[in-house]
Amino acid sequence: MAQTLEGLRILLADDHAAVRMGFRLLLEGAGGTVAGEADSGEAAVAAYAQHRPDVLVMDVSMPGIGGLGALERLLAHTPGAHVLLLSAHDDAQIPARALRAGATGYLSKRAQPQELIRAVAQVARGQRYVDPELAPQLALAQLGGGVDPAAALTDKEFAIFLQLAQGRSVSDIAAAHNLSPSTVGTHLYHIKQKLNASNAAELALIAVRSGLIDV
């Protein structure tokens, strides 16, 4: 069944009038009501206070404080605001920052129209939404919290990290480095702490993301 936006009041914030018009036609066609529009971050915050919409659909890249700045300013005054951020960028660091800053959802501007409608409906209900195309790399980007393994680890830890990421066992690594398995285990504990990883699979993902090993 097609998603409906019946009864939802929506605020649009994008600095391109043609984009706002396209969104308006799409969202109103699905039953929503566009209560207002804004063309900058500052205007979005002011329009939100004026219209009190069910959901704010806002572009990340806008003049002035931009979408992320507007999000932080808005949530400081209205902690319960439901905000869906949109971006044309594929960089997973932007959605990661947006979600950490308090956005309820994040969607790529390249998404299909039906996906925008689904995202707006979900975010308006206060449910977290992440673009399904971006979700895998977003999860990967959050592993390690953006930490560079080469900078965060000691030389010994880095050598052990690489071998663990390549699938070698603790006993194999201990033998190769003339260390006891318990010493390697201690190094492993510190490596996981420093890289914000909970297991060997996550260490492998961090190594792949950092370009240290091939998939």
C-alpha atoms as a PDB file:
ATOM      1  CA  MET A   1       0.000   0.000   0.000  1.00  0.00           C
ATOM      2  CA  ALA A   2       1.317   3.475  -0.855  1.00  0.00           C
ATOM      3  CA  GLN A   3       2.508   5.549   2.070  1.00  0.00           C
ATOM      4  CA  THR A   4       0.210   8.445   2.963  1.00  0.00           C
ATOM      5  CA  LEU A   5       1.131  11.734   4.605  1.00  0.00           C
ATOM      6  CA  GLU A   6      -2.489  12.600   5.361  1.00  0.00           C
ATOM      7  CA  GLY A   7      -2.781  15.111   8.204  1.00  0.00           C
ATOM      8  CA  LEU A   8       0.947  15.880   8.406  1.00  0.00           C
ATOM      9  CA  ARG A   9       2.213  19.470   8.346  1.00  0.00           C
ATOM     10  CA  ILE A  10       5.634  19.758   6.718  1.00  0.00           C
ATOM     11  CA  LEU A  11       8.222  22.555   6.593  1.00  0.00           C
ATOM     12  CA  LEU A  12      10.613  22.561   3.614  1.00  0.00           C
ATOM     13  CA  ALA A  13      14.088  24.119   3.829  1.00  0.00           C
ATOM     14  CA  ASP A  14      16.252  24.198   0.697  1.00  0.00           C
ATOM     15  CA  ASP A  15      18.010  27.107  -0.983  1.00  0.00           C
ATOM     16  CA  HIS A  16      16.838  26.033  -4.459  1.00  0.00           C
ATOM     17  CA  ALA A  17      13.272  27.136  -5.248  1.00  0.00           C
ATOM     18  CA  ALA A  18      12.866  24.488  -7.965  1.00  0.00           C
ATOM     19  CA  VAL A  19      13.811  21.733  -5.504  1.00  0.00           C
ATOM     20  CA  ARG A  20      11.307  23.035  -2.960  1.00  0.00           C
ATOM     21  CA  MET A  21       8.612  23.111  -5.646  1.00  0.00           C
ATOM     22  CA  GLY A  22       9.338  19.508  -6.599  1.00  0.00           C
ATOM     23  CA  PHE A  23       9.224  18.387  -2.980  1.00  0.00           C
ATOM     24  CA  ARG A  24       6.003  20.331  -2.390  1.00  0.00           C
ATOM     25  CA  LEU A  25       4.264  18.668  -5.342  1.00  0.00           C
ATOM     26  CA  LEU A  26       5.459  15.229  -4.265  1.00  0.00           C
ATOM     27  CA  LEU A  27       4.552  15.598  -0.580  1.00  0.00           C
ATOM     28  CA  GLU A  28       1.199  17.268  -1.176  1.00  0.00           C
ATOM     29  CA  GLY A  29       0.435  14.589  -3.762  1.00  0.00           C
ATOM     30  CA  ALA A  30       0.883  12.033  -0.964  1.00  0.00           C
ATOM     31  CA  GLY A  31      -1.610  13.891   1.240  1.00  0.00           C
ATOM     32  CA  GLY A  32       0.748  16.104   3.268  1.00  0.00           C
ATOM     33  CA  THR A  33       0.423  19.854   3.811  1.00  0.00           C
ATOM     34  CA  VAL A  34       3.457  22.070   3.248  1.00  0.00           C
ATOM     35  CA  ALA A  35       3.017  24.642   6.018  1.00  0.00           C
ATOM     36  CA  GLY A  36       5.997  26.794   5.040  1.00  0.00           C
ATOM     37  CA  GLU A  37       9.296  27.073   3.182  1.00  0.00           C
ATOM     38  CA  ALA A  38      12.766  28.410   4.004  1.00  0.00           C
ATOM     39  CA  ASP A  39      15.901  29.048   1.919  1.00  0.00           C
ATOM     40  CA  SER A  40      18.590  29.168   4.621  1.00  0.00           C
ATOM     41  CA  GLY A  41      19.427  27.641   7.975  1.00  0.00           C
ATOM     42  CA  GLU A  42      18.433  30.770   9.902  1.00  0.00           C
ATOM     43  CA  ALA A  43      15.146  31.025   7.975  1.00  0.00           C
ATOM     44  CA  ALA A  44      14.414  27.366   8.725  1.00  0.00           C
ATOM     45  CA  VAL A  45      14.780  27.918  12.489  1.00  0.00           C
ATOM     46  CA  ALA A  46      12.524  30.998  12.348  1.00  0.00           C
ATOM     47  CA  ALA A  47       9.943  29.237  10.161  1.00  0.00           C
ATOM     48  CA  TYR A  48       9.858  26.264  12.515  1.00  0.00           C
ATOM     49  CA  ALA A  49       9.036  28.535  15.452  1.00  0.00           C
ATOM     50  CA  GLN A  50       6.296  30.177  13.373  1.00  0.00           C
ATOM     51  CA  HIS A  51       4.649  27.072  11.872  1.00  0.00           C
ATOM     52  CA  ARG A  52       5.420  24.295  14.404  1.00  0.00           C
ATOM     53  CA  PRO A  53       5.296  21.545  11.744  1.00  0.00           C
ATOM     54  CA  ASP A  54       5.155  17.802  12.359  1.00  0.00           C
ATOM     55  CA  VAL A  55       8.408  17.418  10.444  1.00  0.00           C
ATOM     56  CA  LEU A  56      11.120  19.674   9.018  1.00  0.00           C
ATOM     57  CA  VAL A  57      12.631  18.435   5.731  1.00  0.00           C
ATOM     58  CA  MET A  58      15.941  20.300   5.392  1.00  0.00           C
ATOM     59  CA  ASP A  59      18.939  20.290   3.060  1.00  0.00           C
ATOM     60  CA  VAL A  60      22.344  20.017   4.736  1.00  0.00           C
ATOM     61  CA  SER A  61      24.026  22.478   2.341  1.00  0.00           C
ATOM     62  CA  MET A  62      22.410  25.921   2.563  1.00  0.00           C
ATOM     63  CA  PRO A  63      23.646  29.508   2.982  1.00  0.00           C
ATOM     64  CA  GLY A  64      24.357  30.912   6.444  1.00  0.00           C
ATOM     65  CA  ILE A  65      24.620  28.391   9.265  1.00  0.00           C
ATOM     66  CA  GLY A  66      23.523  25.574   6.915  1.00  0.00           C
ATOM     67  CA  GLY A  67      21.430  22.541   7.750  1.00  0.00           C
ATOM     68  CA  LEU A  68      23.647  21.150  10.519  1.00  0.00           C
ATOM     69  CA  GLY A  69      23.928  24.534  12.242  1.00  0.00           C
ATOM     70  CA  ALA A  70      20.173  25.014  11.954  1.00  0.00           C
ATOM     71  CA  LEU A  71      19.579  21.534  13.377  1.00  0.00           C
ATOM     72  CA  GLU A  72      21.716  22.245  16.443  1.00  0.00           C
ATOM     73  CA  ARG A  73      20.108  25.656  16.990  1.00  0.00           C
ATOM     74  CA  LEU A  74      16.596  24.258  16.568  1.00  0.00           C
ATOM     75  CA  LEU A  75      17.121  21.315  18.935  1.00  0.00           C
ATOM     76  CA  ALA A  76      18.574  23.641  21.574  1.00  0.00           C
ATOM     77  CA  HIS A  77      15.194  25.417  21.681  1.00  0.00           C
ATOM     78  CA  THR A  78      12.908  22.523  20.682  1.00  0.00           C
ATOM     79  CA  PRO A  79      14.474  19.200  21.759  1.00  0.00           C
ATOM     80  CA  GLY A  80      11.542  17.157  20.438  1.00  0.00           C
ATOM     81  CA  ALA A  81      11.669  18.522  16.868  1.00  0.00           C
ATOM     82  CA  HIS A  82      11.451  15.900  14.115  1.00  0.00           C
ATOM     83  CA  VAL A  83      13.996  16.702  11.408  1.00  0.00           C
ATOM     84  CA  LEU A  84      14.763  14.827   8.190  1.00  0.00           C
ATOM     85  CA  LEU A  85      18.056  16.009   6.694  1.00  0.00           C
ATOM     86  CA  LEU A  86      18.745  15.654   2.983  1.00  0.00           C
ATOM     87  CA  SER A  87      22.064  15.789   1.159  1.00  0.00           C
ATOM     88  CA  ALA A  88      23.473  15.272  -2.318  1.00  0.00           C
ATOM     89  CA  HIS A  89      26.734  13.991  -0.802  1.00  0.00           C
ATOM     90  CA  ASP A  90      27.587  10.300  -0.485  1.00  0.00           C
ATOM     91  CA  ASP A  91      30.190  10.859   2.239  1.00  0.00           C
ATOM     92  CA  ALA A  92      29.053   8.807   5.254  1.00  0.00           C
ATOM     93  CA  GLN A  93      30.650  11.318   7.647  1.00  0.00           C
ATOM     94  CA  ILE A  94      27.896  13.874   6.934  1.00  0.00           C
ATOM     95  CA  PRO A  95      24.969  11.612   7.906  1.00  0.00           C
ATOM     96  CA  ALA A  96      26.983  10.336  10.867  1.00  0.00           C
ATOM     97  CA  ARG A  97      27.423  13.919  12.094  1.00  0.00           C
ATOM     98  CA  ALA A  98      23.762  14.718  11.383  1.00  0.00           C
ATOM     99  CA  LEU A  99      22.481  11.756  13.403  1.00  0.00           C
ATOM    100  CA  ARG A 100      24.891  12.462  16.263  1.00  0.00           C
ATOM    101  CA  ALA A 101      23.662  16.077  16.277  1.00  0.00           C
ATOM    102  CA  GLY A 102      20.094  14.866  16.776  1.00  0.00           C
ATOM    103  CA  ALA A 103      18.511  14.537  13.334  1.00  0.00           C
ATOM    104  CA  THR A 104      15.645  12.038  13.371  1.00  0.00           C
ATOM    105  CA  GLY A 105      16.430  10.896   9.831  1.00  0.00           C
ATOM    106  CA  TYR A 106      18.795  11.243   6.885  1.00  0.00           C
ATOM    107  CA  LEU A 107      18.121  10.695   3.183  1.00  0.00           C
ATOM    108  CA  SER A 108      20.166  11.126   0.008  1.00  0.00           C
ATOM    109  CA  LYS A 109      18.694  13.514  -2.550  1.00  0.00           C
ATOM    110  CA  ARG A 110      19.242  10.769  -5.121  1.00  0.00           C
ATOM    111  CA  ALA A 111      16.663   8.555  -3.419  1.00  0.00           C
ATOM    112  CA  GLN A 112      13.491   7.539  -5.225  1.00  0.00           C
ATOM    113  CA  PRO A 113      10.416   9.776  -4.634  1.00  0.00           C
ATOM    114  CA  GLN A 114       8.606   7.006  -2.759  1.00  0.00           C
ATOM    115  CA  GLU A 115      11.570   6.748  -0.385  1.00  0.00           C
ATOM    116  CA  LEU A 116      11.239  10.457   0.479  1.00  0.00           C
ATOM    117  CA  ILE A 117       7.567   9.972   1.299  1.00  0.00           C
ATOM    118  CA  ARG A 118       8.381   6.927   3.450  1.00  0.00           C
ATOM    119  CA  ALA A 119      11.131   8.846   5.249  1.00  0.00           C
ATOM    120  CA  VAL A 120       8.905  11.866   5.951  1.00  0.00           C
ATOM    121  CA  ALA A 121       6.115   9.642   7.311  1.00  0.00           C
ATOM    122  CA  GLN A 122       8.536   7.785   9.576  1.00  0.00           C
ATOM    123  CA  VAL A 123      10.367  10.865  10.877  1.00  0.00           C
ATOM    124  CA  ALA A 124       7.077  12.684  11.534  1.00  0.00           C
ATOM    125  CA  ARG A 125       6.208   9.838  13.942  1.00  0.00           C
ATOM    126  CA  GLY A 126       9.532  10.354  15.715  1.00  0.00           C
ATOM    127  CA  GLN A 127      11.035   7.136  14.332  1.00  0.00           C
ATOM    128  CA  ARG A 128      14.693   7.051  13.268  1.00  0.00           C
ATOM    129  CA  TYR A 129      15.181   6.789   9.500  1.00  0.00           C
ATOM    130  CA  VAL A 130      18.454   6.167   7.652  1.00  0.00           C
ATOM    131  CA  ASP A 131      18.718   5.990   3.877  1.00  0.00           C
ATOM    132  CA  PRO A 132      18.926   2.230   3.096  1.00  0.00           C
ATOM    133  CA  GLU A 133      21.595   2.938   0.458  1.00  0.00           C
ATOM    134  CA  LEU A 134      23.779   4.709   3.024  1.00  0.00           C
ATOM    135  CA  ALA A 135      23.091   2.514   6.058  1.00  0.00           C
ATOM    136  CA  PRO A 136      25.924  -0.032   5.469  1.00  0.00           C
ATOM    137  CA  GLN A 137      28.654   2.565   4.944  1.00  0.00           C
ATOM    138  CA  LEU A 138      27.228   4.702   7.752  1.00  0.00           C
ATOM    139  CA  ALA A 139      27.572   1.753  10.127  1.00  0.00           C
ATOM    140  CA  LEU A 140      31.124   1.298   8.843  1.00  0.00           C
ATOM    141  CA  ALA A 141      31.924   4.992   9.310  1.00  0.00           C
ATOM    142  CA  GLN A 142      30.757   4.846  12.917  1.00  0.00           C
ATOM    143  CA  LEU A 143      33.079   1.921  13.659  1.00  0.00           C
ATOM    144  CA  GLY A 144      36.198   3.357  15.168  1.00  0.00           C
ATOM    145  CA  GLY A 145      34.545   6.767  15.421  1.00  0.00           C
ATOM    146  CA  GLY A 146      36.664   7.994  12.514  1.00  0.00           C
ATOM    147  CA  VAL A 147      39.915   7.131  14.361  1.00  0.00           C
ATOM    148  CA  ASP A 148      43.004   6.504  12.229  1.00  0.00           C
ATOM    149  CA  PRO A 149      44.433   3.166  13.471  1.00  0.00           C
ATOM    150  CA  ALA A 150      47.979   4.143  12.493  1.00  0.00           C
ATOM    151  CA  ALA A 151      47.791   7.269  14.663  1.00  0.00           C
ATOM    152  CA  ALA A 152      45.861   5.770  17.596  1.00  0.00           C
ATOM    153  CA  LEU A 153      47.907   2.613  18.157  1.00  0.00           C
ATOM    154  CA  THR A 154      51.484   1.969  19.264  1.00  0.00           C
ATOM    155  CA  ASP A 155      53.772   0.239  16.752  1.00  0.00           C
ATOM    156  CA  LYS A 156      53.303  -3.123  18.484  1.00  0.00           C
ATOM    157  CA  GLU A 157      49.518  -2.668  18.705  1.00  0.00           C
ATOM    158  CA  PHE A 158      49.348  -1.670  15.041  1.00  0.00           C
ATOM    159  CA  ALA A 159      51.246  -4.788  13.956  1.00  0.00           C
ATOM    160  CA  ILE A 160      48.930  -6.994  16.019  1.00  0.00           C
ATOM    161  CA  PHE A 161      45.855  -5.093  14.794  1.00  0.00           C
ATOM    162  CA  LEU A 162      46.775  -5.792  11.161  1.00  0.00           C
ATOM    163  CA  GLN A 163      47.280  -9.496  11.810  1.00  0.00           C
ATOM    164  CA  LEU A 164      43.995  -9.758  13.727  1.00  0.00           C
ATOM    165  CA  ALA A 165      42.210  -7.917  10.909  1.00  0.00           C
ATOM    166  CA  GLN A 166      43.632 -10.434   8.447  1.00  0.00           C
ATOM    167  CA  GLY A 167      42.084 -13.283  10.449  1.00  0.00           C
ATOM    168  CA  ARG A 168      45.087 -14.621  12.325  1.00  0.00           C
ATOM    169  CA  SER A 169      44.433 -16.149  15.754  1.00  0.00           C
ATOM    170  CA  VAL A 170      45.809 -14.855  19.048  1.00  0.00           C
ATOM    171  CA  SER A 171      47.977 -17.994  19.417  1.00  0.00           C
ATOM    172  CA  ASP A 172      49.420 -17.568  15.891  1.00  0.00           C
ATOM    173  CA  ILE A 173      50.242 -13.918  16.592  1.00  0.00           C
ATOM    174  CA  ALA A 174      51.786 -14.794  19.961  1.00  0.00           C
ATOM    175  CA  ALA A 175      54.082 -17.347  18.315  1.00  0.00           C
ATOM    176  CA  ALA A 176      55.065 -14.953  15.517  1.00  0.00           C
ATOM    177  CA  HIS A 177      56.010 -12.171  17.973  1.00  0.00           C
ATOM    178  CA  ASN A 178      57.513 -14.405  20.687  1.00  0.00           C
ATOM    179  CA  LEU A 179      54.832 -13.229  23.115  1.00  0.00           C
ATOM    180  CA  SER A 180      52.536 -15.114  25.468  1.00  0.00           C
ATOM    181  CA  PRO A 181      48.877 -15.402  24.364  1.00  0.00           C
ATOM    182  CA  SER A 182      47.875 -13.427  27.481  1.00  0.00           C
ATOM    183  CA  THR A 183      50.139 -10.532  26.419  1.00  0.00           C
ATOM    184  CA  VAL A 184      48.568 -10.533  22.941  1.00  0.00           C
ATOM    185  CA  GLY A 185      45.170 -10.616  24.651  1.00  0.00           C
ATOM    186  CA  THR A 186      46.104  -7.498  26.639  1.00  0.00           C
ATOM    187  CA  HIS A 187      47.179  -5.744  23.437  1.00  0.00           C
ATOM    188  CA  LEU A 188      43.899  -6.807  21.816  1.00  0.00           C
ATOM    189  CA  TYR A 189      41.932  -5.295  24.701  1.00  0.00           C
ATOM    190  CA  HIS A 190      43.704  -1.936  24.283  1.00  0.00           C
ATOM    191  CA  ILE A 191      43.301  -2.025  20.489  1.00  0.00           C
ATOM    192  CA  LYS A 192      39.541  -2.546  20.774  1.00  0.00           C
ATOM    193  CA  GLN A 193      39.268   0.230  23.354  1.00  0.00           C
ATOM    194  CA  LYS A 194      41.214   2.715  21.220  1.00  0.00           C
ATOM    195  CA  LEU A 195      39.345   1.874  17.988  1.00  0.00           C
ATOM    196  CA  ASN A 196      35.879   1.539  19.543  1.00  0.00           C
ATOM    197  CA  ALA A 197      35.512  -2.015  18.234  1.00  0.00           C
ATOM    198  CA  SER A 198      33.926  -4.942  20.048  1.00  0.00           C
ATOM    199  CA  ASN A 199      35.214  -7.930  18.055  1.00  0.00           C
ATOM    200  CA  ALA A 200      37.604  -9.147  15.336  1.00  0.00           C
ATOM    201  CA  ALA A 201      35.020  -8.605  12.578  1.00  0.00           C
ATOM    202  CA  GLU A 202      34.746  -4.912  13.459  1.00  0.00           C
ATOM    203  CA  LEU A 203      38.538  -4.612  13.526  1.00  0.00           C
ATOM    204  CA  ALA A 204      38.601  -6.084  10.019  1.00  0.00           C
ATOM    205  CA  LEU A 205      35.997  -3.540   8.835  1.00  0.00           C
ATOM    206  CA  ILE A 206      38.033  -0.677  10.282  1.00  0.00           C
ATOM    207  CA  ALA A 207      41.153  -1.964   8.500  1.00  0.00           C
ATOM    208  CA  VAL A 208      39.270  -2.222   5.183  1.00  0.00           C
ATOM    209  CA  ARG A 209      37.771   1.245   5.582  1.00  0.00           C
ATOM    210  CA  SER A 210      41.208   2.682   6.351  1.00  0.00           C
ATOM    211  CA  GLY A 211      42.651   1.079   3.193  1.00  0.00           C
ATOM    212  CA  LEU A 212      45.022  -1.119   5.216  1.00  0.00           C
ATOM    213  CA  ILE A 213      43.753  -4.442   3.841  1.00  0.00           C
ATOM    214  CA  ASP A 214      41.797  -5.434   0.747  1.00  0.00           C
ATOM    215  CA  VAL A 215      38.392  -7.037   0.920  1.00  0.00           C
END
